[in-house]
């Protein structure tokens, strides 16, 4: 069974409610129709109710069964204004600023997740918002998860007809958030990504710390950063299969690994690829997606107190529906 179909089946085992705060976008409405038809999550659409219904009707999209909430008309609007003000007043926020921000569906959705009386379990945004516009309110309102020092982003890449990774399935990290992580940040990204792989793919993570160098073939600040991060991970999690610094071919191709890195515990079978910076991670996932025709789910977030996931603004409705399923499974795990 394909990765995303397995995720949908897992989501069906314990139905969660996912918020979509960009509900006036046709891709979000199309995804809502797919999710409700396949019955693997409940959906809350945030936005102007009349516009949402008009857009769905005009495009012959059925969103029957989705809950539609217009933030300013919600019975919780005043409650969420007070909640946001209390959370941010020490940072200088005024009650007037809170009133304006709660009108924003993304802020309203994050406050729903924060509200212990709410029935929402996760949120997916990013089809029309930048990553910063999605994650800023998440970090302001939800904060980081317990025992997490860094929020990072990853993609699940599913490459068709691929013998590498976990039958063509990989995690690429960080491919969406941290621009130039130092050794401590790389350590956190790798550890979080290994946990995400085990949770979502349900297989043993094999983590490659990528570089343009393999086991000392080059020496620079960039390679030393990766080497030091790898040492820290091995010390903290001695049972985790991790190695670095590794070039991509030595990480995923056994024959190349045997030549370039014969002592590597990964043996060319890495399925979690940790990139040295955001340039490499973002370019890498887009290359594999466009040239390798891979399914790319993300940017998915790790380290936030509740399941919140970003989308690429070039996403399709199928991409949105897939990320909704992944978010629902993350909500099952986090409960």
C-alpha atoms as a PDB file:
ATOM      1  CA  UNK A   1       0.000   0.000   0.000  1.00  0.00           C
ATOM      2  CA  UNK A   2       1.258   3.485  -0.866  1.00  0.00           C
ATOM      3  CA  UNK A   3       2.536   5.606   2.006  1.00  0.00           C
ATOM      4  CA  UNK A   4      -0.265   8.162   1.948  1.00  0.00           C
ATOM      5  CA  UNK A   5      -2.936   5.452   1.734  1.00  0.00           C
ATOM      6  CA  UNK A   6      -1.481   3.835   4.847  1.00  0.00           C
ATOM      7  CA  UNK A   7      -1.587   7.213   6.585  1.00  0.00           C
ATOM      8  CA  UNK A   8      -5.246   7.662   5.615  1.00  0.00           C
ATOM      9  CA  UNK A   9      -6.094   4.233   6.995  1.00  0.00           C
ATOM     10  CA  UNK A  10      -4.365   5.111  10.266  1.00  0.00           C
ATOM     11  CA  UNK A  11      -6.250   8.419  10.380  1.00  0.00           C
ATOM     12  CA  UNK A  12      -9.552   6.548  10.039  1.00  0.00           C
ATOM     13  CA  UNK A  13      -8.820   4.517  13.175  1.00  0.00           C
ATOM     14  CA  UNK A  14      -9.318   7.568  15.417  1.00  0.00           C
ATOM     15  CA  UNK A  15     -10.955  10.464  13.587  1.00  0.00           C
ATOM     16  CA  UNK A  16      -9.446  13.886  14.371  1.00  0.00           C
ATOM     17  CA  UNK A  17     -10.670  17.389  13.538  1.00  0.00           C
ATOM     18  CA  UNK A  18      -8.374  19.512  11.383  1.00  0.00           C
ATOM     19  CA  UNK A  19      -8.665  23.279  10.862  1.00  0.00           C
ATOM     20  CA  UNK A  20      -8.172  24.783   7.388  1.00  0.00           C
ATOM     21  CA  UNK A  21      -7.912  28.582   7.719  1.00  0.00           C
ATOM     22  CA  UNK A  22      -7.575  29.309   3.977  1.00  0.00           C
ATOM     23  CA  UNK A  23     -11.048  28.158   3.080  1.00  0.00           C
ATOM     24  CA  UNK A  24     -11.720  30.652   0.292  1.00  0.00           C
ATOM     25  CA  UNK A  25      -9.022  28.996  -1.869  1.00  0.00           C
ATOM     26  CA  UNK A  26     -10.398  26.477  -4.359  1.00  0.00           C
ATOM     27  CA  UNK A  27      -7.641  23.922  -3.602  1.00  0.00           C
ATOM     28  CA  UNK A  28      -8.630  23.901   0.063  1.00  0.00           C
ATOM     29  CA  UNK A  29     -12.284  23.336  -0.846  1.00  0.00           C
ATOM     30  CA  UNK A  30     -11.368  20.549  -3.264  1.00  0.00           C
ATOM     31  CA  UNK A  31      -9.228  18.921  -0.574  1.00  0.00           C
ATOM     32  CA  UNK A  32     -12.081  19.243   1.914  1.00  0.00           C
ATOM     33  CA  UNK A  33     -14.374  17.387  -0.469  1.00  0.00           C
ATOM     34  CA  UNK A  34     -11.800  14.578  -0.833  1.00  0.00           C
ATOM     35  CA  UNK A  35     -11.169  14.264   2.902  1.00  0.00           C
ATOM     36  CA  UNK A  36     -14.861  14.143   3.766  1.00  0.00           C
ATOM     37  CA  UNK A  37     -15.596  11.687   0.966  1.00  0.00           C
ATOM     38  CA  UNK A  38     -12.863   9.332   2.202  1.00  0.00           C
ATOM     39  CA  UNK A  39     -13.851   9.986   5.843  1.00  0.00           C
ATOM     40  CA  UNK A  40     -10.449  10.148   7.491  1.00  0.00           C
ATOM     41  CA  UNK A  41     -10.833  13.514   9.259  1.00  0.00           C
ATOM     42  CA  UNK A  42     -13.397  16.087  10.276  1.00  0.00           C
ATOM     43  CA  UNK A  43     -12.835  19.530   8.782  1.00  0.00           C
ATOM     44  CA  UNK A  44     -13.309  23.059  10.141  1.00  0.00           C
ATOM     45  CA  UNK A  45     -13.162  25.789   7.480  1.00  0.00           C
ATOM     46  CA  UNK A  46     -12.340  29.313   8.639  1.00  0.00           C
ATOM     47  CA  UNK A  47     -13.249  32.419   6.667  1.00  0.00           C
ATOM     48  CA  UNK A  48     -16.153  34.372   5.210  1.00  0.00           C
ATOM     49  CA  UNK A  49     -18.997  31.870   5.202  1.00  0.00           C
ATOM     50  CA  UNK A  50     -20.839  33.402   2.241  1.00  0.00           C
ATOM     51  CA  UNK A  51     -17.671  33.513   0.109  1.00  0.00           C
ATOM     52  CA  UNK A  52     -16.744  29.939   1.009  1.00  0.00           C
ATOM     53  CA  UNK A  53     -20.182  28.635   0.096  1.00  0.00           C
ATOM     54  CA  UNK A  54     -20.271  30.719  -3.095  1.00  0.00           C
ATOM     55  CA  UNK A  55     -16.854  29.454  -4.219  1.00  0.00           C
ATOM     56  CA  UNK A  56     -17.836  25.840  -3.512  1.00  0.00           C
ATOM     57  CA  UNK A  57     -21.158  26.194  -5.348  1.00  0.00           C
ATOM     58  CA  UNK A  58     -19.581  27.979  -8.334  1.00  0.00           C
ATOM     59  CA  UNK A  59     -17.041  25.160  -8.771  1.00  0.00           C
ATOM     60  CA  UNK A  60     -19.465  22.320  -8.017  1.00  0.00           C
ATOM     61  CA  UNK A  61     -17.549  21.280  -4.896  1.00  0.00           C
ATOM     62  CA  UNK A  62     -19.389  19.524  -2.089  1.00  0.00           C
ATOM     63  CA  UNK A  63     -18.294  20.618   1.378  1.00  0.00           C
ATOM     64  CA  UNK A  64     -21.354  19.205   3.128  1.00  0.00           C
ATOM     65  CA  UNK A  65     -20.240  17.950   6.530  1.00  0.00           C
ATOM     66  CA  UNK A  66     -17.548  20.572   7.035  1.00  0.00           C
ATOM     67  CA  UNK A  67     -18.009  23.057   9.858  1.00  0.00           C
ATOM     68  CA  UNK A  68     -17.642  26.668   8.697  1.00  0.00           C
ATOM     69  CA  UNK A  69     -16.658  29.335  11.208  1.00  0.00           C
ATOM     70  CA  UNK A  70     -16.395  33.047  10.506  1.00  0.00           C
ATOM     71  CA  UNK A  71     -14.000  34.393  13.168  1.00  0.00           C
ATOM     72  CA  UNK A  72     -15.665  37.766  13.813  1.00  0.00           C
ATOM     73  CA  UNK A  73     -19.104  36.167  14.057  1.00  0.00           C
ATOM     74  CA  UNK A  74     -17.980  33.309  16.271  1.00  0.00           C
ATOM     75  CA  UNK A  75     -19.276  33.067  19.824  1.00  0.00           C
ATOM     76  CA  UNK A  76     -15.614  32.612  20.800  1.00  0.00           C
ATOM     77  CA  UNK A  77     -14.321  35.819  19.201  1.00  0.00           C
ATOM     78  CA  UNK A  78     -14.234  37.866  22.426  1.00  0.00           C
ATOM     79  CA  UNK A  79     -12.894  34.907  24.395  1.00  0.00           C
ATOM     80  CA  UNK A  80     -10.026  34.496  21.931  1.00  0.00           C
ATOM     81  CA  UNK A  81      -9.247  38.217  21.963  1.00  0.00           C
ATOM     82  CA  UNK A  82      -8.786  37.969  25.736  1.00  0.00           C
ATOM     83  CA  UNK A  83      -6.777  34.762  25.394  1.00  0.00           C
ATOM     84  CA  UNK A  84      -4.412  36.260  22.833  1.00  0.00           C
ATOM     85  CA  UNK A  85      -4.033  39.443  24.869  1.00  0.00           C
ATOM     86  CA  UNK A  86      -3.154  37.467  28.011  1.00  0.00           C
ATOM     87  CA  UNK A  87      -0.630  35.365  26.092  1.00  0.00           C
ATOM     88  CA  UNK A  88       1.095  38.355  24.466  1.00  0.00           C
ATOM     89  CA  UNK A  89       0.617  41.353  26.772  1.00  0.00           C
ATOM     90  CA  UNK A  90       4.064  40.891  28.287  1.00  0.00           C
ATOM     91  CA  UNK A  91       5.428  41.250  24.743  1.00  0.00           C
ATOM     92  CA  UNK A  92       3.666  44.579  24.375  1.00  0.00           C
ATOM     93  CA  UNK A  93       0.448  43.540  22.659  1.00  0.00           C
ATOM     94  CA  UNK A  94      -2.553  45.807  23.267  1.00  0.00           C
ATOM     95  CA  UNK A  95      -6.172  44.690  23.407  1.00  0.00           C
ATOM     96  CA  UNK A  96      -6.783  46.623  20.168  1.00  0.00           C
ATOM     97  CA  UNK A  97      -4.040  44.694  18.399  1.00  0.00           C
ATOM     98  CA  UNK A  98      -5.474  41.436  19.703  1.00  0.00           C
ATOM     99  CA  UNK A  99      -8.905  42.338  18.322  1.00  0.00           C
ATOM    100  CA  UNK A 100      -7.427  42.805  14.855  1.00  0.00           C
ATOM    101  CA  UNK A 101      -5.283  39.676  14.908  1.00  0.00           C
ATOM    102  CA  UNK A 102      -8.120  37.388  15.998  1.00  0.00           C
ATOM    103  CA  UNK A 103      -9.966  38.393  12.818  1.00  0.00           C
ATOM    104  CA  UNK A 104      -7.198  36.603  10.920  1.00  0.00           C
ATOM    105  CA  UNK A 105      -8.269  32.968  10.319  1.00  0.00           C
ATOM    106  CA  UNK A 106      -4.741  31.670  10.979  1.00  0.00           C
ATOM    107  CA  UNK A 107      -4.563  33.356  14.388  1.00  0.00           C
ATOM    108  CA  UNK A 108      -8.138  32.307  15.156  1.00  0.00           C
ATOM    109  CA  UNK A 109      -7.292  28.706  14.248  1.00  0.00           C
ATOM    110  CA  UNK A 110      -4.221  28.641  16.502  1.00  0.00           C
ATOM    111  CA  UNK A 111      -6.320  29.967  19.351  1.00  0.00           C
ATOM    112  CA  UNK A 112      -8.831  27.184  18.730  1.00  0.00           C
ATOM    113  CA  UNK A 113      -5.995  24.689  19.162  1.00  0.00           C
ATOM    114  CA  UNK A 114      -4.891  26.448  22.346  1.00  0.00           C
ATOM    115  CA  UNK A 115      -8.427  26.435  23.761  1.00  0.00           C
ATOM    116  CA  UNK A 116      -8.822  23.308  25.910  1.00  0.00           C
ATOM    117  CA  UNK A 117     -12.589  23.444  25.370  1.00  0.00           C
ATOM    118  CA  UNK A 118     -12.210  23.346  21.584  1.00  0.00           C
ATOM    119  CA  UNK A 119     -12.724  20.140  19.636  1.00  0.00           C
ATOM    120  CA  UNK A 120      -9.953  20.916  17.117  1.00  0.00           C
ATOM    121  CA  UNK A 121      -6.856  18.724  16.959  1.00  0.00           C
ATOM    122  CA  UNK A 122      -4.573  20.192  14.272  1.00  0.00           C
ATOM    123  CA  UNK A 123      -4.199  22.893  11.636  1.00  0.00           C
ATOM    124  CA  UNK A 124      -2.947  23.025   8.054  1.00  0.00           C
ATOM    125  CA  UNK A 125      -2.090  26.339   6.378  1.00  0.00           C
ATOM    126  CA  UNK A 126       0.302  27.723   3.782  1.00  0.00           C
ATOM    127  CA  UNK A 127      -1.531  27.438   0.451  1.00  0.00           C
ATOM    128  CA  UNK A 128      -1.768  31.242   0.328  1.00  0.00           C
ATOM    129  CA  UNK A 129       0.322  32.188   3.379  1.00  0.00           C
ATOM    130  CA  UNK A 130       4.086  32.219   3.715  1.00  0.00           C
ATOM    131  CA  UNK A 131       5.763  29.852   6.157  1.00  0.00           C
ATOM    132  CA  UNK A 132       6.427  32.752   8.533  1.00  0.00           C
ATOM    133  CA  UNK A 133       2.755  33.803   8.442  1.00  0.00           C
ATOM    134  CA  UNK A 134       1.773  30.271   9.425  1.00  0.00           C
ATOM    135  CA  UNK A 135       4.443  29.574  12.031  1.00  0.00           C
ATOM    136  CA  UNK A 136       4.620  32.977  13.725  1.00  0.00           C
ATOM    137  CA  UNK A 137       1.160  32.639  15.314  1.00  0.00           C
ATOM    138  CA  UNK A 138       1.859  28.973  16.088  1.00  0.00           C
ATOM    139  CA  UNK A 139       4.944  29.863  18.095  1.00  0.00           C
ATOM    140  CA  UNK A 140       3.316  32.893  19.722  1.00  0.00           C
ATOM    141  CA  UNK A 141       0.233  30.983  20.827  1.00  0.00           C
ATOM    142  CA  UNK A 142       1.025  27.262  21.027  1.00  0.00           C
ATOM    143  CA  UNK A 143       4.763  27.434  21.879  1.00  0.00           C
ATOM    144  CA  UNK A 144       7.131  24.486  21.528  1.00  0.00           C
ATOM    145  CA  UNK A 145       6.416  20.923  22.572  1.00  0.00           C
ATOM    146  CA  UNK A 146       7.805  19.637  25.906  1.00  0.00           C
ATOM    147  CA  UNK A 147      11.479  18.594  25.743  1.00  0.00           C
ATOM    148  CA  UNK A 148      11.897  20.348  22.387  1.00  0.00           C
ATOM    149  CA  UNK A 149      14.509  23.038  21.908  1.00  0.00           C
ATOM    150  CA  UNK A 150      13.878  23.820  18.242  1.00  0.00           C
ATOM    151  CA  UNK A 151      10.966  23.885  15.816  1.00  0.00           C
ATOM    152  CA  UNK A 152      11.974  22.554  12.421  1.00  0.00           C
ATOM    153  CA  UNK A 153      10.344  21.565   9.158  1.00  0.00           C
ATOM    154  CA  UNK A 154      10.602  18.476   7.005  1.00  0.00           C
ATOM    155  CA  UNK A 155       9.158  16.940   3.873  1.00  0.00           C
ATOM    156  CA  UNK A 156       8.077  13.368   3.427  1.00  0.00           C
ATOM    157  CA  UNK A 157       9.237  12.464  -0.061  1.00  0.00           C
ATOM    158  CA  UNK A 158       7.759   9.436  -1.809  1.00  0.00           C
ATOM    159  CA  UNK A 159       9.742   8.666  -4.959  1.00  0.00           C
ATOM    160  CA  UNK A 160       8.044   6.317  -7.468  1.00  0.00           C
ATOM    161  CA  UNK A 161       9.834   3.154  -8.591  1.00  0.00           C
ATOM    162  CA  UNK A 162      12.731   3.882  -6.256  1.00  0.00           C
ATOM    163  CA  UNK A 163      14.867   1.207  -4.615  1.00  0.00           C
ATOM    164  CA  UNK A 164      16.503   3.607  -2.180  1.00  0.00           C
ATOM    165  CA  UNK A 165      15.407   4.787   1.254  1.00  0.00           C
ATOM    166  CA  UNK A 166      12.396   2.960   2.670  1.00  0.00           C
ATOM    167  CA  UNK A 167      11.037   1.739  -0.684  1.00  0.00           C
ATOM    168  CA  UNK A 168      11.401   5.247  -2.034  1.00  0.00           C
ATOM    169  CA  UNK A 169      10.161   7.026   1.100  1.00  0.00           C
ATOM    170  CA  UNK A 170      12.409   9.576   2.793  1.00  0.00           C
ATOM    171  CA  UNK A 171      12.335  12.455   5.218  1.00  0.00           C
ATOM    172  CA  UNK A 172      14.187  15.571   4.024  1.00  0.00           C
ATOM    173  CA  UNK A 173      15.030  18.054   6.810  1.00  0.00           C
ATOM    174  CA  UNK A 174      15.230  20.946   7.379  1.00  0.00           C
ATOM    175  CA  UNK A 175      13.758  21.926   4.028  1.00  0.00           C
ATOM    176  CA  UNK A 176      11.483  24.743   5.059  1.00  0.00           C
ATOM    177  CA  UNK A 177      12.399  26.723   8.144  1.00  0.00           C
ATOM    178  CA  UNK A 178      15.912  26.987   9.651  1.00  0.00           C
ATOM    179  CA  UNK A 179      18.158  28.857   7.239  1.00  0.00           C
ATOM    180  CA  UNK A 180      21.646  28.135   8.514  1.00  0.00           C
ATOM    181  CA  UNK A 181      21.518  25.793  11.519  1.00  0.00           C
ATOM    182  CA  UNK A 182      24.606  25.455  13.660  1.00  0.00           C
ATOM    183  CA  UNK A 183      25.786  22.155  15.082  1.00  0.00           C
ATOM    184  CA  UNK A 184      23.330  22.240  18.009  1.00  0.00           C
ATOM    185  CA  UNK A 185      20.399  23.041  15.731  1.00  0.00           C
ATOM    186  CA  UNK A 186      21.438  20.304  13.273  1.00  0.00           C
ATOM    187  CA  UNK A 187      21.515  17.897  16.195  1.00  0.00           C
ATOM    188  CA  UNK A 188      17.943  18.793  17.172  1.00  0.00           C
ATOM    189  CA  UNK A 189      16.724  18.627  13.569  1.00  0.00           C
ATOM    190  CA  UNK A 190      18.185  15.145  13.127  1.00  0.00           C
ATOM    191  CA  UNK A 191      16.768  13.805  16.389  1.00  0.00           C
ATOM    192  CA  UNK A 192      13.305  15.230  15.735  1.00  0.00           C
ATOM    193  CA  UNK A 193      13.359  13.924  12.164  1.00  0.00           C
ATOM    194  CA  UNK A 194      14.271  10.418  13.289  1.00  0.00           C
ATOM    195  CA  UNK A 195      11.293  10.454  15.666  1.00  0.00           C
ATOM    196  CA  UNK A 196       8.998  11.768  12.933  1.00  0.00           C
ATOM    197  CA  UNK A 197      10.139   9.013  10.570  1.00  0.00           C
ATOM    198  CA  UNK A 198       9.455   6.310  13.142  1.00  0.00           C
ATOM    199  CA  UNK A 199       6.027   7.786  13.952  1.00  0.00           C
ATOM    200  CA  UNK A 200       4.829   8.359  10.400  1.00  0.00           C
ATOM    201  CA  UNK A 201       6.582   5.691   8.333  1.00  0.00           C
ATOM    202  CA  UNK A 202       6.718   3.181  11.205  1.00  0.00           C
ATOM    203  CA  UNK A 203      10.146   1.903  10.201  1.00  0.00           C
ATOM    204  CA  UNK A 204      13.611   2.243  11.713  1.00  0.00           C
ATOM    205  CA  UNK A 205      15.133   5.649  10.931  1.00  0.00           C
ATOM    206  CA  UNK A 206      18.577   5.661   9.335  1.00  0.00           C
ATOM    207  CA  UNK A 207      19.877   9.210   9.485  1.00  0.00           C
ATOM    208  CA  UNK A 208      22.433  10.670   7.091  1.00  0.00           C
ATOM    209  CA  UNK A 209      24.017  14.023   7.958  1.00  0.00           C
ATOM    210  CA  UNK A 210      24.656  15.335   4.464  1.00  0.00           C
ATOM    211  CA  UNK A 211      27.554  17.377   3.152  1.00  0.00           C
ATOM    212  CA  UNK A 212      29.632  17.861   0.001  1.00  0.00           C
ATOM    213  CA  UNK A 213      32.246  15.762   1.820  1.00  0.00           C
ATOM    214  CA  UNK A 214      32.356  12.124   2.943  1.00  0.00           C
ATOM    215  CA  UNK A 215      34.310  11.113   6.040  1.00  0.00           C
ATOM    216  CA  UNK A 216      36.917  13.845   5.765  1.00  0.00           C
ATOM    217  CA  UNK A 217      37.312  14.085   1.985  1.00  0.00           C
ATOM    218  CA  UNK A 218      37.066  17.864   2.449  1.00  0.00           C
ATOM    219  CA  UNK A 219      37.628  20.159   5.409  1.00  0.00           C
ATOM    220  CA  UNK A 220      35.781  23.421   6.035  1.00  0.00           C
ATOM    221  CA  UNK A 221      33.569  25.161   8.560  1.00  0.00           C
ATOM    222  CA  UNK A 222      30.572  23.610   6.801  1.00  0.00           C
ATOM    223  CA  UNK A 223      31.864  20.036   7.031  1.00  0.00           C
ATOM    224  CA  UNK A 224      33.087  20.441  10.615  1.00  0.00           C
ATOM    225  CA  UNK A 225      29.623  21.636  11.649  1.00  0.00           C
ATOM    226  CA  UNK A 226      28.085  18.428  10.303  1.00  0.00           C
ATOM    227  CA  UNK A 227      30.752  16.230  11.900  1.00  0.00           C
ATOM    228  CA  UNK A 228      30.283  17.837  15.321  1.00  0.00           C
ATOM    229  CA  UNK A 229      26.503  17.509  15.099  1.00  0.00           C
ATOM    230  CA  UNK A 230      26.858  13.817  14.228  1.00  0.00           C
ATOM    231  CA  UNK A 231      29.117  13.268  17.237  1.00  0.00           C
ATOM    232  CA  UNK A 232      26.588  14.926  19.536  1.00  0.00           C
ATOM    233  CA  UNK A 233      23.746  12.763  18.207  1.00  0.00           C
ATOM    234  CA  UNK A 234      25.730   9.544  18.642  1.00  0.00           C
ATOM    235  CA  UNK A 235      26.593  10.497  22.203  1.00  0.00           C
ATOM    236  CA  UNK A 236      22.996  11.370  23.088  1.00  0.00           C
ATOM    237  CA  UNK A 237      21.327   8.499  21.190  1.00  0.00           C
ATOM    238  CA  UNK A 238      23.875   5.682  20.826  1.00  0.00           C
ATOM    239  CA  UNK A 239      21.257   3.259  19.477  1.00  0.00           C
ATOM    240  CA  UNK A 240      20.203   5.559  16.628  1.00  0.00           C
ATOM    241  CA  UNK A 241      21.655   4.669  13.242  1.00  0.00           C
ATOM    242  CA  UNK A 242      23.273   7.926  12.156  1.00  0.00           C
ATOM    243  CA  UNK A 243      26.388   8.870  10.240  1.00  0.00           C
ATOM    244  CA  UNK A 244      28.025  11.953   8.805  1.00  0.00           C
ATOM    245  CA  UNK A 245      29.430  13.774   7.130  1.00  0.00           C
ATOM    246  CA  UNK A 246      28.214  11.995   3.993  1.00  0.00           C
ATOM    247  CA  UNK A 247      27.704  12.905   0.379  1.00  0.00           C
ATOM    248  CA  UNK A 248      24.254  12.049  -0.907  1.00  0.00           C
ATOM    249  CA  UNK A 249      25.373   9.091  -3.019  1.00  0.00           C
ATOM    250  CA  UNK A 250      27.316   7.574  -0.115  1.00  0.00           C
ATOM    251  CA  UNK A 251      24.212   7.969   2.064  1.00  0.00           C
ATOM    252  CA  UNK A 252      21.653   6.207  -0.130  1.00  0.00           C
ATOM    253  CA  UNK A 253      23.480   3.918  -2.590  1.00  0.00           C
ATOM    254  CA  UNK A 254      25.038   0.802  -0.996  1.00  0.00           C
ATOM    255  CA  UNK A 255      27.635   0.317  -3.745  1.00  0.00           C
ATOM    256  CA  UNK A 256      28.879   3.902  -3.393  1.00  0.00           C
ATOM    257  CA  UNK A 257      28.843   3.663   0.392  1.00  0.00           C
ATOM    258  CA  UNK A 258      31.048   0.576   0.219  1.00  0.00           C
ATOM    259  CA  UNK A 259      33.647   2.579  -1.724  1.00  0.00           C
ATOM    260  CA  UNK A 260      33.421   5.980  -0.022  1.00  0.00           C
ATOM    261  CA  UNK A 261      32.326   5.074   3.504  1.00  0.00           C
ATOM    262  CA  UNK A 262      33.013   1.386   4.173  1.00  0.00           C
ATOM    263  CA  UNK A 263      32.770   1.854   7.958  1.00  0.00           C
ATOM    264  CA  UNK A 264      29.418   3.654   7.864  1.00  0.00           C
ATOM    265  CA  UNK A 265      26.695   1.983   9.945  1.00  0.00           C
ATOM    266  CA  UNK A 266      24.156   3.140   7.360  1.00  0.00           C
ATOM    267  CA  UNK A 267      25.694   1.053   4.560  1.00  0.00           C
ATOM    268  CA  UNK A 268      24.079   3.317   1.982  1.00  0.00           C
ATOM    269  CA  UNK A 269      20.561   2.738   3.282  1.00  0.00           C
ATOM    270  CA  UNK A 270      19.696   6.158   4.728  1.00  0.00           C
ATOM    271  CA  UNK A 271      16.024   7.137   4.794  1.00  0.00           C
ATOM    272  CA  UNK A 272      16.295  10.384   6.797  1.00  0.00           C
ATOM    273  CA  UNK A 273      18.370  13.017   5.021  1.00  0.00           C
ATOM    274  CA  UNK A 274      19.484  15.999   7.119  1.00  0.00           C
ATOM    275  CA  UNK A 275      20.756  18.854   4.977  1.00  0.00           C
ATOM    276  CA  UNK A 276      23.466  21.254   6.181  1.00  0.00           C
ATOM    277  CA  UNK A 277      21.362  24.351   5.473  1.00  0.00           C
ATOM    278  CA  UNK A 278      18.041  25.519   4.065  1.00  0.00           C
ATOM    279  CA  UNK A 279      19.468  26.249   0.619  1.00  0.00           C
ATOM    280  CA  UNK A 280      20.449  22.614   0.167  1.00  0.00           C
ATOM    281  CA  UNK A 281      17.297  21.228   1.762  1.00  0.00           C
ATOM    282  CA  UNK A 282      14.862  23.350  -0.205  1.00  0.00           C
ATOM    283  CA  UNK A 283      16.639  22.905  -3.540  1.00  0.00           C
ATOM    284  CA  UNK A 284      16.987  19.185  -2.880  1.00  0.00           C
ATOM    285  CA  UNK A 285      13.315  18.517  -2.227  1.00  0.00           C
ATOM    286  CA  UNK A 286      12.204  20.573  -5.227  1.00  0.00           C
ATOM    287  CA  UNK A 287      14.640  18.747  -7.522  1.00  0.00           C
ATOM    288  CA  UNK A 288      13.380  15.359  -6.393  1.00  0.00           C
ATOM    289  CA  UNK A 289       9.756  16.494  -6.597  1.00  0.00           C
ATOM    290  CA  UNK A 290       9.981  17.997 -10.085  1.00  0.00           C
ATOM    291  CA  UNK A 291      12.583  15.825 -11.813  1.00  0.00           C
ATOM    292  CA  UNK A 292      11.985  12.605  -9.918  1.00  0.00           C
ATOM    293  CA  UNK A 293       8.200  13.113  -9.970  1.00  0.00           C
ATOM    294  CA  UNK A 294       8.081  12.448  -6.229  1.00  0.00           C
ATOM    295  CA  UNK A 295       5.134  13.128  -3.975  1.00  0.00           C
ATOM    296  CA  UNK A 296       6.232  15.866  -1.556  1.00  0.00           C
ATOM    297  CA  UNK A 297       4.241  16.277   1.653  1.00  0.00           C
ATOM    298  CA  UNK A 298       5.108  19.387   3.621  1.00  0.00           C
ATOM    299  CA  UNK A 299       6.677  21.437   4.955  1.00  0.00           C
ATOM    300  CA  UNK A 300       5.571  19.411   7.957  1.00  0.00           C
ATOM    301  CA  UNK A 301       6.462  20.811  11.343  1.00  0.00           C
ATOM    302  CA  UNK A 302       8.062  19.152  14.332  1.00  0.00           C
ATOM    303  CA  UNK A 303       8.506  20.658  17.755  1.00  0.00           C
ATOM    304  CA  UNK A 304       5.250  22.638  18.095  1.00  0.00           C
ATOM    305  CA  UNK A 305       2.977  21.829  21.044  1.00  0.00           C
ATOM    306  CA  UNK A 306       0.057  20.916  18.731  1.00  0.00           C
ATOM    307  CA  UNK A 307       0.082  19.499  15.195  1.00  0.00           C
ATOM    308  CA  UNK A 308       0.471  22.425  12.806  1.00  0.00           C
ATOM    309  CA  UNK A 309       1.664  21.937   9.250  1.00  0.00           C
ATOM    310  CA  UNK A 310       2.674  24.276   6.502  1.00  0.00           C
ATOM    311  CA  UNK A 311       1.980  23.882   2.778  1.00  0.00           C
ATOM    312  CA  UNK A 312       3.933  24.938  -0.250  1.00  0.00           C
ATOM    313  CA  UNK A 313       2.104  27.721  -2.053  1.00  0.00           C
ATOM    314  CA  UNK A 314       2.438  25.621  -5.189  1.00  0.00           C
ATOM    315  CA  UNK A 315       0.502  22.759  -3.581  1.00  0.00           C
ATOM    316  CA  UNK A 316      -2.316  20.871  -5.279  1.00  0.00           C
ATOM    317  CA  UNK A 317      -5.582  19.809  -3.661  1.00  0.00           C
ATOM    318  CA  UNK A 318      -4.183  16.264  -3.416  1.00  0.00           C
ATOM    319  CA  UNK A 319      -1.160  17.634  -1.536  1.00  0.00           C
ATOM    320  CA  UNK A 320      -3.495  19.401   0.907  1.00  0.00           C
ATOM    321  CA  UNK A 321      -5.591  16.274   1.435  1.00  0.00           C
ATOM    322  CA  UNK A 322      -2.436  14.265   2.104  1.00  0.00           C
ATOM    323  CA  UNK A 323      -1.106  16.752   4.648  1.00  0.00           C
ATOM    324  CA  UNK A 324      -4.507  16.727   6.393  1.00  0.00           C
ATOM    325  CA  UNK A 325      -4.166  12.946   6.775  1.00  0.00           C
ATOM    326  CA  UNK A 326      -0.605  13.283   8.128  1.00  0.00           C
ATOM    327  CA  UNK A 327      -1.718  16.000  10.572  1.00  0.00           C
ATOM    328  CA  UNK A 328      -4.548  13.762  11.802  1.00  0.00           C
ATOM    329  CA  UNK A 329      -2.078  10.941  12.498  1.00  0.00           C
ATOM    330  CA  UNK A 330       0.256  13.359  14.291  1.00  0.00           C
ATOM    331  CA  UNK A 331      -2.725  14.389  16.427  1.00  0.00           C
ATOM    332  CA  UNK A 332      -3.345  10.746  17.328  1.00  0.00           C
ATOM    333  CA  UNK A 333       0.270  10.374  18.422  1.00  0.00           C
ATOM    334  CA  UNK A 334       0.392  13.614  20.403  1.00  0.00           C
ATOM    335  CA  UNK A 335      -2.767  12.824  22.417  1.00  0.00           C
END
